[in-house]
Structures are given as structure tokens and as C-alpha cells.
Amino acid sequence: MRKEFLFIILSVIVTTTNAQTKGNKVGYIDMEYILQNVPNYIEAKTQLEQKAQKWKQEVEAKKIEINKLTEALKAEKPLLTAELIEERETEIKFLETEKLDYQQKRFGPNGDLMIQKNGLVKPIQDQVFTAVQDIAEAKKYDFIFDKSSHLTILFAAKRFDISDQVIRILNRTEKREQLTKKQLKDEQAKEAKEDAIDESPELAQREKALLDKKTAREKLVADKKAAQEEAKKKYEEKRQQLLSEREAKKNGTVVAPSNTETKSTTASSGTETAKTTTEEVKPNVQEERKKALEEKRKKILEEREANRKALEEKRLKEIQDKEALKKANEDK
């Protein structure tokens, strides 16, 4: 058996070598990889796994019931008659046979799980074989192997793998049924481009380089925008801090004269009535002046803030315009 297996491997290697020597075109697919990338198969497989899990639970429930009856018989055996013991043992054997039959029915070689699994895989396998034949005829392949089959492939270069092409054909067939005429035309143009990339490794590398460059450019723009937002946020925080400090300082200057007046009033206690009246009028005049100065200062601050916002908006708009112009030039 081992010699036969080695002979098959050597035959495949020799066939592949001869094919390459004669200039024949060889490719392969990975059926397992293809199945894992077909949405209908994944959904149906999930449902089948849920069914299998339910069947396992049913088998486990039968096993638990048999174990309970067996343990009960062991405990009660000294108290039972030979006739009752035989009756219970017969019942336990019947349940065990029933459990084994159920396991075989669900999980045996010809059981429900295997039948449904084959029914699930076969339609997709038929589609894959049709797609492989179309690719082989269109692109002049001489041999196409299945990497996941019983024929062992010791080494296979990635450039000969046409699994992604098969997946694209399967997805195209499903997608075309839902497209309008205009969308179908655009899709066919896109498909032609993809096929051209498959045919030319250099074009595929160029396409990948362009995609990487586009991704890097988008990341650079996103990072720059994030940096601008962060700088703007820090600026706003600093401005709010300065305004808070000014407000606190302003409140402190208003309170200070009040303390001075209190001290002055305390120091001048016991003076004449006329002098006391003059000191009462003087703080009122000072308070009015302070209010006028404060209003003027507030107005100046508001004007400065308005000018700053206008300048900030203008600067931000200039940056956005530059970025848009730069992006447009790069796209060209």
C-alpha cells in the first residue's frame, strides 16, 4: 500500500514536471478555501451544525437516562426478586440498543449528518467544477488539481492557485441576477479588469502598489486632520484657561478696594462727620470708574475674540482648500 502511495505521488510529480517542460499550463484550486468563502455554504453549514448539536444533546440525554436506571438497579438489587431484576436489565439493554441505533441514524456513515452534508456540498461543488472548466477553456489550462483532495501535492506555488478566480465567478453569477442593465455593464468592465490582472502578474503588482499608495495617502490625510483637530482642541483649552485666569484676576481686583475701604473706614473711626461723608462719596466715584473700565475691557476682549475666530476660520478654510487642491492634483 505504501509503495502504491509513493508511486501515485511520483506519477503526479513526473506528470507536472513533463507538463511544465512541454510548456503546458498547470493550476490548482483549494476546495476547502473556496467553500469557506461562499456565503450560502457558510450559512447552511451553520444551520447543519446547530442540528448536529441538538442530536448530540438527545444522545447525551439517552445516555444519562440509562446511567440513572443502571445506578438505581445496583442500589435496589438486594431488595428485588430475580424476575424484577431481569425485567429492569432487559429495559436497560433495550434503551442502550435504542441509543446506538439513534447514534447510527444521525452520525453513522450513511446517517442524516453525512447525507445533509453531502447535499450541502454537492451543488457548490458542481458550480466550482463548472467555473473551473470555464477558466480552463478561457485561459488554456492543461491541468487543474484540487489541493484539498486525496491526491497529495507536496508543493504548489501561489501563482498557480486559481481559487480566488473561482470564488469571483461564483459571486459574479449570484450578483448578476440582482443588477440592472447599466450596473451589469459596469460590473462586466470591472470583471474584465480583474481578469486582466489575473493574466498579468506585473499588472497585479502594479494594481497592488497603487492600492497601497492610495491607502497610505488616505491615512496621511486622516492623520493630518486628526493633528489639526488636536491642535485646535489644545488651543481652545488654553484660551479657556486664559479667560478663566483673567476672570479670576478681575474678581480679585474688585474685591480688593472693598477691603481697603473697610480698613480706611476702621482707621478713620472717630473723625469728624464731614470727613466721613467725603470718604463715603469717594468710593462710589471709584466704583463707577471701575465699572466703566471693566465694560470697556470686556468690549475689547469680545472684539479680540471675534477677530481671532474670524482669523481661525480663514486659516482653517485655507488649509482645507490646499488639501483639496493637493488631493485633486494627486488623483490626476
Protein backbone atom coordinates (compact mmCIF):
# COMPACT_ATOMS: atom_id res chain seq x y z
CA MET A 1 0.00 0.00 0.00
CA ARG A 2 2.83 2.35 0.89
CA LYS A 3 4.62 1.58 -2.39
CA GLU A 4 1.43 2.32 -4.33
CA PHE A 5 1.01 5.63 -2.49
CA LEU A 6 4.60 6.65 -3.29
CA PHE A 7 4.06 5.61 -6.88
CA ILE A 8 1.00 7.92 -7.14
CA ILE A 9 2.98 10.85 -5.70
CA LEU A 10 5.87 10.26 -8.09
CA SER A 11 3.43 9.97 -11.01
CA VAL A 12 1.89 13.33 -10.14
CA ILE A 13 5.32 14.96 -9.82
CA VAL A 14 6.54 13.47 -13.11
CA THR A 15 3.31 14.50 -14.88
CA THR A 16 3.62 18.06 -13.55
CA THR A 17 7.32 18.23 -14.50
CA ASN A 18 6.64 16.93 -18.02
CA ALA A 19 3.76 19.37 -18.39
CA GLN A 20 5.95 22.31 -17.42
CA THR A 21 8.77 21.08 -19.67
CA LYS A 22 6.44 20.94 -22.67
CA GLY A 23 5.07 24.39 -21.87
CA ASN A 24 1.67 23.15 -20.66
CA LYS A 25 -0.30 25.35 -18.30
CA VAL A 26 -0.97 23.92 -14.82
CA GLY A 27 -3.13 25.29 -12.00
CA TYR A 28 -4.83 24.15 -8.82
CA ILE A 29 -7.73 25.02 -6.52
CA ASP A 30 -8.32 24.62 -2.79
CA MET A 31 -11.91 23.37 -2.42
CA GLU A 32 -11.97 23.90 1.36
CA TYR A 33 -10.83 27.52 0.95
CA ILE A 34 -13.48 28.10 -1.73
CA LEU A 35 -16.27 26.63 0.40
CA GLN A 36 -15.30 28.83 3.34
CA ASN A 37 -15.71 31.90 1.10
CA VAL A 38 -19.16 31.04 -0.30
CA PRO A 39 -21.84 32.79 1.88
CA ASN A 40 -24.61 30.25 1.09
CA TYR A 41 -22.41 27.35 2.16
CA ILE A 42 -21.37 29.06 5.42
CA GLU A 43 -24.99 29.82 6.33
CA ALA A 44 -26.20 26.27 5.55
CA LYS A 45 -23.20 24.77 7.39
CA THR A 46 -24.07 26.81 10.50
CA GLN A 47 -27.65 25.51 10.42
CA LEU A 48 -26.39 21.93 9.98
CA GLU A 49 -24.01 22.33 12.93
CA GLN A 50 -26.93 23.54 15.06
CA LYS A 51 -28.88 20.41 14.07
CA ALA A 52 -25.89 18.18 14.90
CA GLN A 53 -25.56 19.87 18.30
CA LYS A 54 -29.24 19.17 19.01
CA TRP A 55 -28.79 15.49 18.02
CA LYS A 56 -25.77 15.22 20.33
CA GLN A 57 -27.83 16.60 23.21
CA GLU A 58 -30.52 13.98 22.51
CA VAL A 59 -27.91 11.19 22.57
CA GLU A 60 -26.50 12.58 25.81
CA ALA A 61 -29.98 12.67 27.37
CA LYS A 62 -30.50 8.99 26.47
CA LYS A 63 -27.10 8.13 27.98
CA ILE A 64 -27.96 9.96 31.24
CA GLU A 65 -31.28 8.11 31.48
CA ILE A 66 -29.55 4.73 31.01
CA ASN A 67 -26.94 5.60 33.68
CA LYS A 68 -29.67 6.58 36.15
CA LEU A 69 -31.52 3.28 35.63
CA THR A 70 -28.25 1.31 35.95
CA GLU A 71 -27.33 3.05 39.23
CA ALA A 72 -30.85 2.59 40.59
CA LEU A 73 -30.71 -1.14 39.78
CA LYS A 74 -27.37 -1.52 41.57
CA ALA A 75 -28.76 0.19 44.68
CA GLU A 76 -32.06 -1.74 44.77
CA LYS A 77 -30.79 -5.13 43.54
CA PRO A 78 -30.59 -6.75 47.02
CA LEU A 79 -34.26 -5.88 47.60
CA LEU A 80 -35.60 -7.08 44.24
CA THR A 81 -36.65 -10.50 43.08
CA ALA A 82 -34.84 -12.27 40.25
CA GLU A 83 -37.82 -11.63 37.98
CA LEU A 84 -37.78 -7.85 38.62
CA ILE A 85 -34.02 -7.71 38.18
CA GLU A 86 -34.28 -9.45 34.81
CA GLU A 87 -37.09 -7.11 33.76
CA ARG A 88 -35.05 -3.98 34.56
CA GLU A 89 -31.90 -5.33 32.87
CA THR A 90 -33.96 -6.03 29.75
CA GLU A 91 -35.28 -2.46 29.83
CA ILE A 92 -31.74 -1.05 30.17
CA LYS A 93 -30.48 -3.19 27.24
CA PHE A 94 -33.41 -2.05 25.13
CA LEU A 95 -32.60 1.63 25.88
CA GLU A 96 -28.90 1.08 25.06
CA THR A 97 -29.81 -0.54 21.73
CA GLU A 98 -32.19 2.33 21.02
CA LYS A 99 -29.43 4.85 21.80
CA LEU A 100 -26.92 3.08 19.49
CA ASP A 101 -29.48 2.92 16.69
CA TYR A 102 -30.20 6.64 17.10
CA GLN A 103 -26.46 7.46 17.01
CA GLN A 104 -26.05 5.40 13.86
CA LYS A 105 -29.08 7.05 12.29
CA ARG A 106 -27.77 10.57 12.96
CA PHE A 107 -23.97 10.23 12.86
CA GLY A 108 -23.26 6.96 11.00
CA PRO A 109 -21.54 6.72 7.58
CA ASN A 110 -24.98 6.82 5.92
CA GLY A 111 -26.59 8.91 8.66
CA ASP A 112 -28.54 12.15 8.46
CA LEU A 113 -25.47 14.31 9.14
CA MET A 114 -23.45 12.80 6.29
CA ILE A 115 -26.40 12.86 3.88
CA GLN A 116 -27.20 16.51 4.58
CA LYS A 117 -23.52 17.46 4.46
CA ASN A 118 -23.16 15.87 1.03
CA GLY A 119 -26.39 17.54 -0.08
CA LEU A 120 -24.97 20.85 1.10
CA VAL A 121 -21.59 20.50 -0.59
CA LYS A 122 -22.60 18.85 -3.88
CA PRO A 123 -24.43 21.84 -5.51
CA ILE A 124 -21.49 24.13 -4.71
CA GLN A 125 -19.02 21.52 -5.95
CA ASP A 126 -20.95 21.35 -9.23
CA GLN A 127 -20.73 25.15 -9.53
CA VAL A 128 -17.00 25.02 -8.76
CA PHE A 129 -16.39 22.33 -11.40
CA THR A 130 -18.32 24.39 -13.96
CA ALA A 131 -16.31 27.50 -13.06
CA VAL A 132 -13.04 25.55 -13.27
CA GLN A 133 -13.96 24.26 -16.73
CA ASP A 134 -14.81 27.82 -17.87
CA ILE A 135 -11.46 29.13 -16.56
CA ALA A 136 -9.55 26.21 -18.11
CA GLU A 137 -11.15 26.77 -21.53
CA ALA A 138 -10.82 30.56 -21.43
CA LYS A 139 -7.21 30.61 -20.21
CA LYS A 140 -5.96 27.43 -21.88
CA TYR A 141 -5.11 25.38 -18.79
CA ASP A 142 -3.97 21.79 -19.43
CA PHE A 143 -4.24 20.52 -15.84
CA ILE A 144 -6.08 21.82 -12.75
CA PHE A 145 -5.75 19.90 -9.48
CA ASP A 146 -7.71 20.08 -6.23
CA LYS A 147 -5.22 20.78 -3.41
CA SER A 148 -7.61 19.51 -0.70
CA SER A 149 -8.32 16.13 -2.41
CA HIS A 150 -6.70 12.78 -1.63
CA LEU A 151 -4.01 13.47 -4.25
CA THR A 152 -1.24 14.89 -2.10
CA ILE A 153 0.58 17.91 -3.52
CA LEU A 154 3.95 18.30 -1.80
CA PHE A 155 4.49 21.85 -3.04
CA ALA A 156 2.44 24.35 -5.01
CA ALA A 157 3.45 27.91 -5.87
CA LYS A 158 0.83 30.53 -5.08
CA ARG A 159 0.90 31.91 -8.63
CA PHE A 160 -0.75 28.69 -9.88
CA ASP A 161 -3.64 28.95 -7.37
CA ILE A 162 -6.88 29.92 -9.17
CA SER A 163 -9.16 29.51 -6.11
CA ASP A 164 -9.85 33.27 -5.89
CA GLN A 165 -10.79 33.32 -9.58
CA VAL A 166 -13.32 30.53 -8.95
CA ILE A 167 -14.78 32.40 -5.97
CA ARG A 168 -15.12 35.54 -8.10
CA ILE A 169 -17.02 33.60 -10.79
CA LEU A 170 -19.40 32.12 -8.19
CA ASN A 171 -20.03 35.57 -6.69
CA ARG A 172 -20.46 37.15 -10.12
CA THR A 173 -23.17 34.66 -11.08
CA GLU A 174 -25.15 35.42 -7.93
CA LYS A 175 -24.59 39.16 -8.19
CA ARG A 176 -25.61 39.47 -11.86
CA GLU A 177 -29.13 38.29 -11.09
CA GLN A 178 -29.72 41.39 -8.94
CA LEU A 179 -28.22 44.06 -11.25
CA THR A 180 -29.82 46.46 -13.74
CA LYS A 181 -28.53 46.71 -17.32
CA LYS A 182 -26.32 49.73 -16.53
CA GLN A 183 -24.97 48.12 -13.37
CA LEU A 184 -24.34 44.91 -15.31
CA LYS A 185 -22.32 46.81 -17.91
CA ASP A 186 -20.19 48.46 -15.20
CA GLU A 187 -19.75 45.11 -13.48
CA GLN A 188 -18.59 43.48 -16.72
CA ALA A 189 -15.98 46.22 -17.19
CA LYS A 190 -14.79 45.63 -13.63
CA GLU A 191 -14.66 41.87 -14.25
CA ALA A 192 -12.60 42.39 -17.42
CA LYS A 193 -10.11 44.43 -15.40
CA GLU A 194 -9.90 41.72 -12.73
CA ASP A 195 -9.35 39.05 -15.39
CA ALA A 196 -6.59 41.13 -16.96
CA ILE A 197 -4.90 41.39 -13.55
CA ASP A 198 -5.12 37.61 -13.15
CA GLU A 199 -3.47 37.13 -16.53
CA SER A 200 -0.60 39.53 -15.85
CA PRO A 201 1.38 39.24 -12.57
CA GLU A 202 3.09 42.56 -13.34
CA LEU A 203 -0.30 44.28 -13.67
CA ALA A 204 -1.41 42.67 -10.40
CA GLN A 205 1.69 44.01 -8.63
CA ARG A 206 1.13 47.46 -10.14
CA GLU A 207 -2.52 47.42 -9.04
CA LYS A 208 -1.48 46.39 -5.54
CA ALA A 209 1.15 49.16 -5.43
CA LEU A 210 -1.47 51.74 -6.47
CA LEU A 211 -3.88 50.45 -3.84
CA ASP A 212 -1.18 50.59 -1.15
CA LYS A 213 -0.28 54.11 -2.23
CA LYS A 214 -3.92 55.20 -2.07
CA THR A 215 -4.32 53.65 1.38
CA ALA A 216 -1.15 55.39 2.61
CA ARG A 217 -2.35 58.72 1.20
CA GLU A 218 -5.74 58.38 2.87
CA LYS A 219 -4.03 57.52 6.16
CA LEU A 220 -1.75 60.56 5.83
CA VAL A 221 -4.73 62.86 5.24
CA ALA A 222 -6.59 61.31 8.18
CA ASP A 223 -3.55 61.71 10.46
CA LYS A 224 -3.08 65.32 9.37
CA LYS A 225 -6.74 66.07 10.01
CA ALA A 226 -6.52 64.43 13.43
CA ALA A 227 -3.41 66.51 14.24
CA GLN A 228 -5.24 69.70 13.22
CA GLU A 229 -8.21 68.77 15.39
CA GLU A 230 -5.89 68.04 18.31
CA ALA A 231 -4.08 71.39 17.86
CA LYS A 232 -7.41 73.20 17.68
CA LYS A 233 -8.60 71.43 20.83
CA LYS A 234 -5.42 72.38 22.72
CA TYR A 235 -5.75 75.97 21.55
CA GLU A 236 -9.35 76.13 22.78
CA GLU A 237 -8.36 74.66 26.14
CA LYS A 238 -5.54 77.17 26.53
CA ARG A 239 -7.85 80.05 25.56
CA GLN A 240 -10.46 78.95 28.07
CA GLN A 241 -7.77 78.72 30.74
CA LEU A 242 -6.56 82.26 29.99
CA LEU A 243 -10.12 83.61 30.09
CA SER A 244 -10.71 81.84 33.40
CA GLU A 245 -7.50 83.32 34.85
CA ARG A 246 -8.46 86.78 33.65
CA GLU A 247 -11.93 86.40 35.12
CA ALA A 248 -10.47 85.26 38.45
CA LYS A 249 -7.99 88.16 38.41
CA LYS A 250 -10.79 90.58 37.59
CA ASN A 251 -12.87 89.33 40.50
CA GLY A 252 -9.85 89.71 42.78
CA THR A 253 -9.33 93.39 41.80
CA VAL A 254 -12.96 94.19 42.50
CA VAL A 255 -12.80 92.72 45.98
CA ALA A 256 -9.50 94.43 46.94
CA PRO A 257 -10.82 98.04 47.07
CA SER A 258 -13.60 96.87 49.29
CA ASN A 259 -11.05 95.65 51.88
CA THR A 260 -9.11 98.90 51.60
CA GLU A 261 -12.25 100.89 52.15
CA THR A 262 -13.06 98.80 55.20
CA LYS A 263 -9.58 99.39 56.63
CA SER A 264 -9.81 103.08 55.83
CA THR A 265 -13.19 103.30 57.45
CA THR A 266 -11.92 101.45 60.54
CA ALA A 267 -8.78 103.65 60.77
CA SER A 268 -10.81 106.83 60.42
CA SER A 269 -13.37 105.95 63.09
CA GLY A 270 -13.85 108.82 65.50
CA THR A 271 -13.16 111.57 62.84
CA GLU A 272 -15.44 114.45 62.03
CA THR A 273 -18.85 113.96 60.28
CA ALA A 274 -17.87 115.97 57.15
CA LYS A 275 -14.74 113.85 56.54
CA THR A 276 -16.78 110.62 56.89
CA THR A 277 -19.26 111.86 54.25
CA THR A 278 -16.41 112.67 51.82
CA GLU A 279 -14.92 109.17 52.26
CA GLU A 280 -18.32 107.60 51.52
CA VAL A 281 -18.74 109.59 48.29
CA LYS A 282 -15.18 108.88 47.07
CA PRO A 283 -15.56 105.05 46.90
CA ASN A 284 -18.79 105.47 44.90
CA VAL A 285 -16.93 107.51 42.25
CA GLN A 286 -14.12 104.95 42.16
CA GLU A 287 -16.63 102.12 41.79
CA GLU A 288 -18.27 103.84 38.80
CA ARG A 289 -14.88 104.36 37.16
CA LYS A 290 -14.01 100.70 37.70
CA LYS A 291 -17.30 99.62 36.17
CA ALA A 292 -16.70 101.82 33.13
CA LEU A 293 -13.16 100.43 32.73
CA GLU A 294 -14.42 96.90 33.18
CA GLU A 295 -17.09 97.34 30.49
CA LYS A 296 -14.51 98.84 28.14
CA ARG A 297 -12.12 95.94 28.82
CA LYS A 298 -14.91 93.43 28.26
CA LYS A 299 -15.81 95.05 24.94
CA ILE A 300 -12.15 94.93 23.82
CA LEU A 301 -11.93 91.26 24.76
CA GLU A 302 -15.10 90.48 22.80
CA GLU A 303 -13.73 92.30 19.75
CA ARG A 304 -10.44 90.42 20.04
CA GLU A 305 -12.30 87.12 20.34
CA ALA A 306 -14.40 87.88 17.27
CA ASN A 307 -11.27 88.80 15.27
CA ARG A 308 -9.48 85.65 16.47
CA LYS A 309 -12.41 83.43 15.43
CA ALA A 310 -12.54 85.07 12.02
CA LEU A 311 -8.78 84.55 11.53
CA GLU A 312 -9.04 80.94 12.74
CA GLU A 313 -11.90 80.17 10.32
CA LYS A 314 -9.98 81.81 7.46
CA ARG A 315 -6.83 79.83 8.26
CA LEU A 316 -8.79 76.55 8.51
CA LYS A 317 -10.51 77.23 5.18
CA GLU A 318 -7.14 77.92 3.51
CA ILE A 319 -5.76 74.61 4.85
CA GLN A 320 -8.83 72.70 3.61
CA ASP A 321 -8.57 74.36 0.18
CA LYS A 322 -4.87 73.42 -0.04
CA GLU A 323 -5.62 69.82 0.94
CA ALA A 324 -8.43 69.57 -1.61
CA LEU A 325 -6.21 71.02 -4.34
CA LYS A 326 -3.35 68.69 -3.40
CA LYS A 327 -5.66 65.65 -3.43
CA ALA A 328 -7.09 66.66 -6.81
CA ASN A 329 -3.56 67.00 -8.27
CA GLU A 330 -2.55 63.62 -6.86
CA ASP A 331 -5.69 61.93 -8.27
CA LYS A 332 -4.80 63.35 -11.70
